[in-house]
Amino acid sequence: MRRSAVLFLISALLFSLKAEIGEQNHKVPLFLSFVFPGGGQIYNGRYLKAGIYAALEGVLIYGAVKQNQRMNDAKDDLEHFRDIGDLERINEYEYYVNTYTNERNNFIWMSAAAVLLSAGDAFVDSHFKSFKRDLFTEGDEISVSAALNGLNIIYKW
């Protein structure tokens, strides 16, 4: 039930983001980047970027999950050593719990930053999708020559 509700919400949002005829809706890649790692880049046709963002977000999420597991294991061990009264091990495992907690939190913050970066990149890419990529047209000339204090770059159109 929960999964179908989420899928319904995602489809409703996607269908509500209609673009004008001939113009791309820039909200769609932004939304997709928040929902799926690399989703906005796939929507924009930037498949290499999509793979990079998906891999980056996947690695960061894996790191957060792994550090959370280590933190929970260290907490269990800490409770065991508190029960038996081993002061040396208590101090050691308190350090482990704090270290793993901080590392997990860092992974979570980096994951959030990667998602925001991905969404911003997809949003900007959607604006540049219709940008004219050819800087030079037929008949244009560019020349570079040495000067007394640098280089001269001349562009004739």
N, C-alpha and C. Protein backbone atom coordinates (compact mmCIF):
# COMPACT_ATOMS: atom_id res chain seq x y z
N MET A 1 0.82 -1.19 0.00
CA MET A 1 0.00 0.00 0.00
C MET A 1 0.87 1.25 0.00
N ARG A 2 1.90 1.26 0.82
CA ARG A 2 2.76 2.42 0.94
C ARG A 2 3.50 2.70 -0.37
N ARG A 3 4.01 1.65 -1.00
CA ARG A 3 4.74 1.80 -2.25
C ARG A 3 3.84 2.33 -3.36
N SER A 4 2.61 1.83 -3.44
CA SER A 4 1.69 2.29 -4.48
C SER A 4 1.29 3.74 -4.26
N ALA A 5 1.20 4.17 -3.01
CA ALA A 5 0.88 5.57 -2.72
C ALA A 5 2.01 6.49 -3.18
N VAL A 6 3.24 6.06 -2.95
CA VAL A 6 4.39 6.85 -3.38
C VAL A 6 4.45 6.93 -4.90
N LEU A 7 4.23 5.81 -5.57
CA LEU A 7 4.23 5.80 -7.03
C LEU A 7 3.12 6.67 -7.60
N PHE A 8 1.94 6.64 -6.96
CA PHE A 8 0.84 7.48 -7.40
C PHE A 8 1.20 8.96 -7.25
N LEU A 9 1.83 9.32 -6.12
CA LEU A 9 2.22 10.70 -5.89
C LEU A 9 3.24 11.16 -6.93
N ILE A 10 4.22 10.32 -7.22
CA ILE A 10 5.24 10.66 -8.22
C ILE A 10 4.60 10.84 -9.59
N SER A 11 3.71 9.92 -9.99
CA SER A 11 3.07 10.07 -11.31
C SER A 11 2.19 11.31 -11.36
N ALA A 12 1.48 11.60 -10.29
CA ALA A 12 0.63 12.80 -10.28
C ALA A 12 1.47 14.06 -10.41
N LEU A 13 2.61 14.09 -9.73
CA LEU A 13 3.48 15.26 -9.84
C LEU A 13 4.07 15.39 -11.23
N LEU A 14 4.47 14.27 -11.83
CA LEU A 14 5.04 14.33 -13.17
C LEU A 14 4.01 14.81 -14.19
N PHE A 15 2.77 14.33 -14.08
CA PHE A 15 1.74 14.74 -15.03
C PHE A 15 1.29 16.17 -14.80
N SER A 16 1.47 16.70 -13.59
CA SER A 16 1.08 18.08 -13.32
C SER A 16 2.12 19.07 -13.82
N LEU A 17 3.33 18.60 -14.13
CA LEU A 17 4.40 19.47 -14.60
C LEU A 17 4.40 19.51 -16.12
N LYS A 18 3.37 20.06 -16.72
CA LYS A 18 3.26 20.10 -18.18
C LYS A 18 4.00 21.32 -18.71
N ALA A 19 4.70 21.14 -19.81
CA ALA A 19 5.43 22.23 -20.44
C ALA A 19 4.61 22.83 -21.57
N GLU A 20 4.93 24.07 -21.91
CA GLU A 20 4.30 24.68 -23.07
C GLU A 20 4.81 23.98 -24.32
N ILE A 21 4.05 24.06 -25.39
CA ILE A 21 4.42 23.37 -26.62
C ILE A 21 5.73 23.95 -27.15
N GLY A 22 6.69 23.09 -27.42
CA GLY A 22 7.96 23.51 -27.97
C GLY A 22 8.97 23.97 -26.93
N GLU A 23 8.60 24.05 -25.68
CA GLU A 23 9.53 24.51 -24.64
C GLU A 23 9.57 23.48 -23.53
N GLN A 24 10.78 23.16 -23.09
CA GLN A 24 10.95 22.16 -22.04
C GLN A 24 10.56 22.77 -20.69
N ASN A 25 9.92 21.98 -19.85
CA ASN A 25 9.60 22.40 -18.49
C ASN A 25 10.83 22.15 -17.63
N HIS A 26 11.38 23.18 -17.04
CA HIS A 26 12.63 23.06 -16.29
C HIS A 26 12.43 22.49 -14.90
N LYS A 27 11.17 22.36 -14.47
CA LYS A 27 10.90 21.78 -13.15
C LYS A 27 11.01 20.26 -13.16
N VAL A 28 10.79 19.65 -14.29
CA VAL A 28 10.80 18.19 -14.37
C VAL A 28 12.17 17.60 -14.04
N PRO A 29 13.27 18.05 -14.67
CA PRO A 29 14.57 17.47 -14.31
C PRO A 29 14.96 17.79 -12.86
N LEU A 30 14.54 18.95 -12.37
CA LEU A 30 14.81 19.30 -10.98
C LEU A 30 14.12 18.30 -10.05
N PHE A 31 12.85 18.04 -10.31
CA PHE A 31 12.08 17.09 -9.50
C PHE A 31 12.67 15.68 -9.61
N LEU A 32 12.99 15.26 -10.83
CA LEU A 32 13.51 13.90 -11.03
C LEU A 32 14.85 13.70 -10.31
N SER A 33 15.67 14.75 -10.25
CA SER A 33 16.95 14.62 -9.55
C SER A 33 16.76 14.41 -8.06
N PHE A 34 15.70 14.98 -7.50
CA PHE A 34 15.43 14.76 -6.08
C PHE A 34 14.88 13.37 -5.82
N VAL A 35 14.16 12.79 -6.79
CA VAL A 35 13.51 11.51 -6.58
C VAL A 35 14.42 10.34 -6.93
N PHE A 36 15.11 10.40 -8.07
CA PHE A 36 15.97 9.31 -8.54
C PHE A 36 17.39 9.84 -8.74
N PRO A 37 18.41 9.14 -8.24
CA PRO A 37 19.78 9.58 -8.50
C PRO A 37 20.07 9.62 -10.00
N GLY A 38 20.41 10.79 -10.51
CA GLY A 38 20.69 10.96 -11.93
C GLY A 38 19.45 11.09 -12.80
N GLY A 39 18.27 11.14 -12.21
CA GLY A 39 17.03 11.19 -12.99
C GLY A 39 16.91 12.44 -13.85
N GLY A 40 17.30 13.58 -13.32
CA GLY A 40 17.22 14.82 -14.09
C GLY A 40 18.20 14.83 -15.25
N GLN A 41 19.37 14.23 -15.04
CA GLN A 41 20.36 14.16 -16.11
C GLN A 41 19.87 13.22 -17.22
N ILE A 42 19.22 12.13 -16.86
CA ILE A 42 18.66 11.23 -17.87
C ILE A 42 17.59 11.96 -18.67
N TYR A 43 16.74 12.72 -17.99
CA TYR A 43 15.69 13.49 -18.66
C TYR A 43 16.30 14.48 -19.66
N ASN A 44 17.45 15.06 -19.31
CA ASN A 44 18.12 16.02 -20.18
C ASN A 44 18.98 15.35 -21.25
N GLY A 45 19.11 14.03 -21.21
CA GLY A 45 19.93 13.33 -22.20
C GLY A 45 21.41 13.33 -21.86
N ARG A 46 21.76 13.60 -20.63
CA ARG A 46 23.16 13.62 -20.19
C ARG A 46 23.45 12.33 -19.43
N TYR A 47 23.65 11.25 -20.19
CA TYR A 47 23.73 9.92 -19.59
C TYR A 47 25.02 9.70 -18.81
N LEU A 48 26.14 10.27 -19.25
CA LEU A 48 27.39 10.12 -18.50
C LEU A 48 27.27 10.81 -17.15
N LYS A 49 26.73 12.03 -17.15
CA LYS A 49 26.52 12.74 -15.88
C LYS A 49 25.56 11.96 -14.98
N ALA A 50 24.53 11.38 -15.56
CA ALA A 50 23.57 10.60 -14.77
C ALA A 50 24.27 9.45 -14.07
N GLY A 51 25.13 8.75 -14.79
CA GLY A 51 25.88 7.65 -14.20
C GLY A 51 26.81 8.11 -13.09
N ILE A 52 27.46 9.24 -13.30
CA ILE A 52 28.37 9.77 -12.29
C ILE A 52 27.60 10.15 -11.03
N TYR A 53 26.50 10.89 -11.20
CA TYR A 53 25.71 11.29 -10.02
C TYR A 53 25.10 10.08 -9.33
N ALA A 54 24.61 9.12 -10.08
CA ALA A 54 24.01 7.93 -9.47
C ALA A 54 25.07 7.16 -8.67
N ALA A 55 26.26 7.01 -9.24
CA ALA A 55 27.33 6.31 -8.54
C ALA A 55 27.75 7.08 -7.28
N LEU A 56 27.89 8.39 -7.41
CA LEU A 56 28.29 9.21 -6.27
C LEU A 56 27.27 9.12 -5.13
N GLU A 57 26.00 9.28 -5.47
CA GLU A 57 24.97 9.21 -4.44
C GLU A 57 24.88 7.81 -3.85
N GLY A 58 25.04 6.78 -4.69
CA GLY A 58 25.01 5.41 -4.19
C GLY A 58 26.14 5.12 -3.22
N VAL A 59 27.35 5.58 -3.54
CA VAL A 59 28.50 5.36 -2.67
C VAL A 59 28.30 6.08 -1.33
N LEU A 60 27.80 7.31 -1.40
CA LEU A 60 27.60 8.07 -0.16
C LEU A 60 26.50 7.45 0.72
N ILE A 61 25.44 6.98 0.10
CA ILE A 61 24.38 6.33 0.88
C ILE A 61 24.89 5.02 1.47
N TYR A 62 25.65 4.27 0.68
CA TYR A 62 26.24 3.03 1.20
C TYR A 62 27.15 3.33 2.39
N GLY A 63 27.96 4.39 2.28
CA GLY A 63 28.84 4.76 3.39
C GLY A 63 28.07 5.10 4.64
N ALA A 64 26.96 5.82 4.49
CA ALA A 64 26.14 6.19 5.65
C ALA A 64 25.53 4.94 6.29
N VAL A 65 25.04 4.02 5.47
CA VAL A 65 24.44 2.79 6.00
C VAL A 65 25.50 1.94 6.70
N LYS A 66 26.68 1.83 6.09
CA LYS A 66 27.76 1.02 6.66
C LYS A 66 28.22 1.59 8.00
N GLN A 67 28.39 2.92 8.08
CA GLN A 67 28.82 3.54 9.33
C GLN A 67 27.72 3.41 10.39
N ASN A 68 26.47 3.44 9.98
CA ASN A 68 25.37 3.25 10.93
C ASN A 68 25.40 1.83 11.51
N GLN A 69 25.70 0.84 10.67
CA GLN A 69 25.82 -0.54 11.15
C GLN A 69 26.98 -0.66 12.15
N ARG A 70 28.11 -0.04 11.79
CA ARG A 70 29.27 -0.09 12.69
C ARG A 70 28.96 0.59 14.02
N MET A 71 28.25 1.72 13.96
CA MET A 71 27.86 2.44 15.17
C MET A 71 26.96 1.57 16.05
N ASN A 72 25.98 0.91 15.45
CA ASN A 72 25.08 0.05 16.22
C ASN A 72 25.82 -1.14 16.83
N ASP A 73 26.76 -1.73 16.08
CA ASP A 73 27.56 -2.82 16.63
C ASP A 73 28.42 -2.34 17.80
N ALA A 74 29.00 -1.15 17.65
CA ALA A 74 29.83 -0.60 18.73
C ALA A 74 28.97 -0.28 19.96
N LYS A 75 27.74 0.18 19.75
CA LYS A 75 26.83 0.43 20.88
C LYS A 75 26.50 -0.86 21.62
N ASP A 76 26.27 -1.93 20.85
CA ASP A 76 25.99 -3.22 21.48
C ASP A 76 27.19 -3.69 22.31
N ASP A 77 28.39 -3.56 21.74
CA ASP A 77 29.60 -3.95 22.47
C ASP A 77 29.80 -3.07 23.70
N LEU A 78 29.51 -1.78 23.57
CA LEU A 78 29.65 -0.85 24.69
C LEU A 78 28.73 -1.26 25.83
N GLU A 79 27.49 -1.62 25.51
CA GLU A 79 26.56 -2.07 26.55
C GLU A 79 27.06 -3.34 27.24
N HIS A 80 27.65 -4.24 26.44
CA HIS A 80 28.21 -5.48 27.02
C HIS A 80 29.33 -5.15 28.00
N PHE A 81 30.23 -4.26 27.61
CA PHE A 81 31.36 -3.92 28.49
C PHE A 81 30.90 -3.10 29.70
N ARG A 82 29.82 -2.35 29.57
CA ARG A 82 29.27 -1.66 30.74
C ARG A 82 28.67 -2.66 31.72
N ASP A 83 28.04 -3.70 31.17
CA ASP A 83 27.45 -4.72 32.04
C ASP A 83 28.51 -5.47 32.84
N ILE A 84 29.67 -5.75 32.21
CA ILE A 84 30.71 -6.49 32.93
C ILE A 84 31.67 -5.56 33.67
N GLY A 85 31.58 -4.24 33.43
CA GLY A 85 32.38 -3.27 34.19
C GLY A 85 33.81 -3.12 33.72
N ASP A 86 34.11 -3.40 32.46
CA ASP A 86 35.46 -3.25 31.92
C ASP A 86 35.67 -1.79 31.49
N LEU A 87 36.30 -0.99 32.39
CA LEU A 87 36.43 0.46 32.16
C LEU A 87 37.29 0.80 30.93
N GLU A 88 38.33 0.01 30.73
CA GLU A 88 39.20 0.29 29.58
C GLU A 88 38.44 0.10 28.26
N ARG A 89 37.70 -0.98 28.17
CA ARG A 89 36.91 -1.24 26.95
C ARG A 89 35.74 -0.26 26.82
N ILE A 90 35.19 0.20 27.94
CA ILE A 90 34.10 1.18 27.88
C ILE A 90 34.59 2.45 27.20
N ASN A 91 35.75 2.95 27.63
CA ASN A 91 36.32 4.16 27.01
C ASN A 91 36.61 3.95 25.53
N GLU A 92 37.16 2.78 25.21
CA GLU A 92 37.48 2.47 23.81
C GLU A 92 36.23 2.46 22.95
N TYR A 93 35.18 1.81 23.42
CA TYR A 93 33.96 1.69 22.60
C TYR A 93 33.12 2.96 22.61
N GLU A 94 33.24 3.80 23.63
CA GLU A 94 32.61 5.12 23.56
C GLU A 94 33.25 5.94 22.44
N TYR A 95 34.57 5.81 22.31
CA TYR A 95 35.27 6.49 21.22
C TYR A 95 34.78 5.96 19.86
N TYR A 96 34.64 4.64 19.73
CA TYR A 96 34.17 4.06 18.47
C TYR A 96 32.76 4.55 18.13
N VAL A 97 31.87 4.57 19.13
CA VAL A 97 30.50 5.02 18.89
C VAL A 97 30.50 6.46 18.39
N ASN A 98 31.27 7.32 19.05
CA ASN A 98 31.33 8.72 18.63
C ASN A 98 31.92 8.88 17.24
N THR A 99 32.97 8.13 16.95
CA THR A 99 33.62 8.21 15.64
C THR A 99 32.67 7.75 14.53
N TYR A 100 32.03 6.60 14.73
CA TYR A 100 31.12 6.08 13.71
C TYR A 100 29.89 6.98 13.53
N THR A 101 29.42 7.57 14.63
CA THR A 101 28.29 8.49 14.53
C THR A 101 28.67 9.71 13.70
N ASN A 102 29.85 10.28 13.99
CA ASN A 102 30.30 11.45 13.22
C ASN A 102 30.51 11.12 11.74
N GLU A 103 31.09 9.96 11.47
CA GLU A 103 31.32 9.57 10.07
C GLU A 103 29.99 9.33 9.35
N ARG A 104 29.03 8.71 10.02
CA ARG A 104 27.71 8.50 9.43
C ARG A 104 27.05 9.84 9.11
N ASN A 105 27.12 10.77 10.05
CA ASN A 105 26.53 12.09 9.83
C ASN A 105 27.21 12.82 8.67
N ASN A 106 28.52 12.67 8.56
CA ASN A 106 29.24 13.29 7.43
C ASN A 106 28.77 12.71 6.10
N PHE A 107 28.59 11.40 6.05
CA PHE A 107 28.09 10.77 4.82
C PHE A 107 26.69 11.27 4.49
N ILE A 108 25.85 11.45 5.51
CA ILE A 108 24.49 11.94 5.26
C ILE A 108 24.54 13.36 4.71
N TRP A 109 25.36 14.22 5.29
CA TRP A 109 25.48 15.60 4.79
C TRP A 109 26.04 15.63 3.37
N MET A 110 27.04 14.78 3.10
CA MET A 110 27.60 14.74 1.74
C MET A 110 26.56 14.21 0.75
N SER A 111 25.73 13.26 1.17
CA SER A 111 24.66 12.75 0.31
C SER A 111 23.67 13.86 -0.03
N ALA A 112 23.29 14.63 0.98
CA ALA A 112 22.37 15.75 0.75
C ALA A 112 22.98 16.77 -0.20
N ALA A 113 24.26 17.05 -0.03
CA ALA A 113 24.94 17.99 -0.92
C ALA A 113 25.00 17.45 -2.35
N ALA A 114 25.24 16.15 -2.50
CA ALA A 114 25.29 15.54 -3.84
C ALA A 114 23.93 15.61 -4.52
N VAL A 115 22.86 15.40 -3.77
CA VAL A 115 21.51 15.49 -4.34
C VAL A 115 21.22 16.93 -4.78
N LEU A 116 21.57 17.90 -3.95
CA LEU A 116 21.36 19.30 -4.32
C LEU A 116 22.20 19.69 -5.54
N LEU A 117 23.44 19.21 -5.59
CA LEU A 117 24.29 19.48 -6.74
C LEU A 117 23.71 18.87 -8.01
N SER A 118 23.24 17.64 -7.91
CA SER A 118 22.64 16.96 -9.04
C SER A 118 21.38 17.70 -9.52
N ALA A 119 20.54 18.13 -8.58
CA ALA A 119 19.31 18.83 -8.95
C ALA A 119 19.63 20.17 -9.59
N GLY A 120 20.58 20.90 -9.03
CA GLY A 120 20.98 22.18 -9.62
C GLY A 120 21.57 22.01 -11.00
N ASP A 121 22.40 20.98 -11.15
CA ASP A 121 23.01 20.72 -12.46
C ASP A 121 21.94 20.38 -13.49
N ALA A 122 20.97 19.56 -13.12
CA ALA A 122 19.90 19.18 -14.05
C ALA A 122 19.05 20.39 -14.42
N PHE A 123 18.78 21.25 -13.45
CA PHE A 123 17.98 22.45 -13.70
C PHE A 123 18.70 23.39 -14.66
N VAL A 124 19.99 23.62 -14.43
CA VAL A 124 20.77 24.50 -15.31
C VAL A 124 20.92 23.87 -16.69
N ASP A 125 21.19 22.57 -16.74
CA ASP A 125 21.31 21.88 -18.04
C ASP A 125 20.03 21.99 -18.86
N SER A 126 18.88 21.96 -18.19
CA SER A 126 17.62 22.06 -18.93
C SER A 126 17.46 23.44 -19.55
N HIS A 127 18.01 24.45 -18.92
CA HIS A 127 17.96 25.80 -19.50
C HIS A 127 18.90 25.92 -20.69
N PHE A 128 20.05 25.23 -20.63
CA PHE A 128 21.03 25.32 -21.71
C PHE A 128 20.77 24.32 -22.83
N LYS A 129 19.74 23.49 -22.69
CA LYS A 129 19.48 22.46 -23.70
C LYS A 129 19.20 23.06 -25.07
N SER A 130 18.52 24.19 -25.10
CA SER A 130 18.19 24.83 -26.38
C SER A 130 19.22 25.89 -26.77
N PHE A 131 20.29 26.01 -26.01
CA PHE A 131 21.32 27.00 -26.29
C PHE A 131 22.08 26.63 -27.55
N LYS A 132 22.36 27.61 -28.40
CA LYS A 132 23.09 27.35 -29.63
C LYS A 132 24.52 26.97 -29.28
N ARG A 133 24.94 25.78 -29.68
CA ARG A 133 26.25 25.28 -29.31
C ARG A 133 27.35 25.68 -30.29
N ASP A 134 26.99 25.99 -31.53
CA ASP A 134 28.01 26.34 -32.52
C ASP A 134 28.43 27.79 -32.31
N LEU A 135 29.67 27.98 -31.85
CA LEU A 135 30.16 29.33 -31.63
C LEU A 135 30.57 29.99 -32.94
N PHE A 136 31.05 29.18 -33.87
CA PHE A 136 31.54 29.71 -35.13
C PHE A 136 30.60 29.29 -36.26
N THR A 137 30.28 30.23 -37.11
CA THR A 137 29.49 29.92 -38.29
C THR A 137 30.41 30.01 -39.50
N GLU A 138 29.91 29.58 -40.63
CA GLU A 138 30.72 29.58 -41.84
C GLU A 138 31.16 31.01 -42.18
N GLY A 139 32.44 31.20 -42.42
CA GLY A 139 32.98 32.51 -42.74
C GLY A 139 33.62 33.20 -41.56
N ASP A 140 33.41 32.69 -40.35
CA ASP A 140 34.04 33.29 -39.18
C ASP A 140 35.51 32.89 -39.15
N GLU A 141 36.33 33.78 -38.60
CA GLU A 141 37.76 33.50 -38.48
C GLU A 141 38.23 33.87 -37.09
N ILE A 142 39.18 33.09 -36.60
CA ILE A 142 39.82 33.43 -35.34
C ILE A 142 41.32 33.30 -35.56
N SER A 143 42.06 34.26 -35.01
CA SER A 143 43.51 34.21 -35.15
C SER A 143 44.15 34.61 -33.83
N VAL A 144 45.29 33.99 -33.57
CA VAL A 144 46.04 34.26 -32.36
C VAL A 144 47.44 34.66 -32.80
N SER A 145 47.93 35.78 -32.26
CA SER A 145 49.28 36.23 -32.60
C SER A 145 49.97 36.74 -31.35
N ALA A 146 51.29 36.65 -31.36
CA ALA A 146 52.09 37.11 -30.23
C ALA A 146 52.16 38.64 -30.25
N ALA A 147 52.12 39.22 -29.07
CA ALA A 147 52.25 40.67 -28.93
C ALA A 147 53.38 40.94 -27.94
N LEU A 148 53.72 42.19 -27.76
CA LEU A 148 54.81 42.57 -26.88
C LEU A 148 54.55 42.14 -25.43
N ASN A 149 53.33 42.29 -24.96
CA ASN A 149 53.03 41.95 -23.57
C ASN A 149 51.96 40.88 -23.44
N GLY A 150 51.85 39.99 -24.38
CA GLY A 150 50.87 38.91 -24.27
C GLY A 150 50.48 38.36 -25.62
N LEU A 151 49.24 37.94 -25.74
CA LEU A 151 48.70 37.38 -26.98
C LEU A 151 47.56 38.23 -27.47
N ASN A 152 47.41 38.34 -28.76
CA ASN A 152 46.26 38.98 -29.37
C ASN A 152 45.37 37.90 -29.95
N ILE A 153 44.11 37.92 -29.59
CA ILE A 153 43.14 37.00 -30.13
C ILE A 153 42.13 37.84 -30.91
N ILE A 154 42.01 37.54 -32.21
CA ILE A 154 41.12 38.31 -33.07
C ILE A 154 40.06 37.37 -33.62
N TYR A 155 38.79 37.77 -33.48
CA TYR A 155 37.67 37.01 -33.98
C TYR A 155 36.93 37.88 -34.98
N LYS A 156 36.81 37.42 -36.21
CA LYS A 156 36.13 38.17 -37.26
C LYS A 156 34.87 37.42 -37.65
N TRP A 157 33.76 38.12 -37.71
CA TRP A 157 32.51 37.50 -38.14
C TRP A 157 31.85 38.31 -39.22
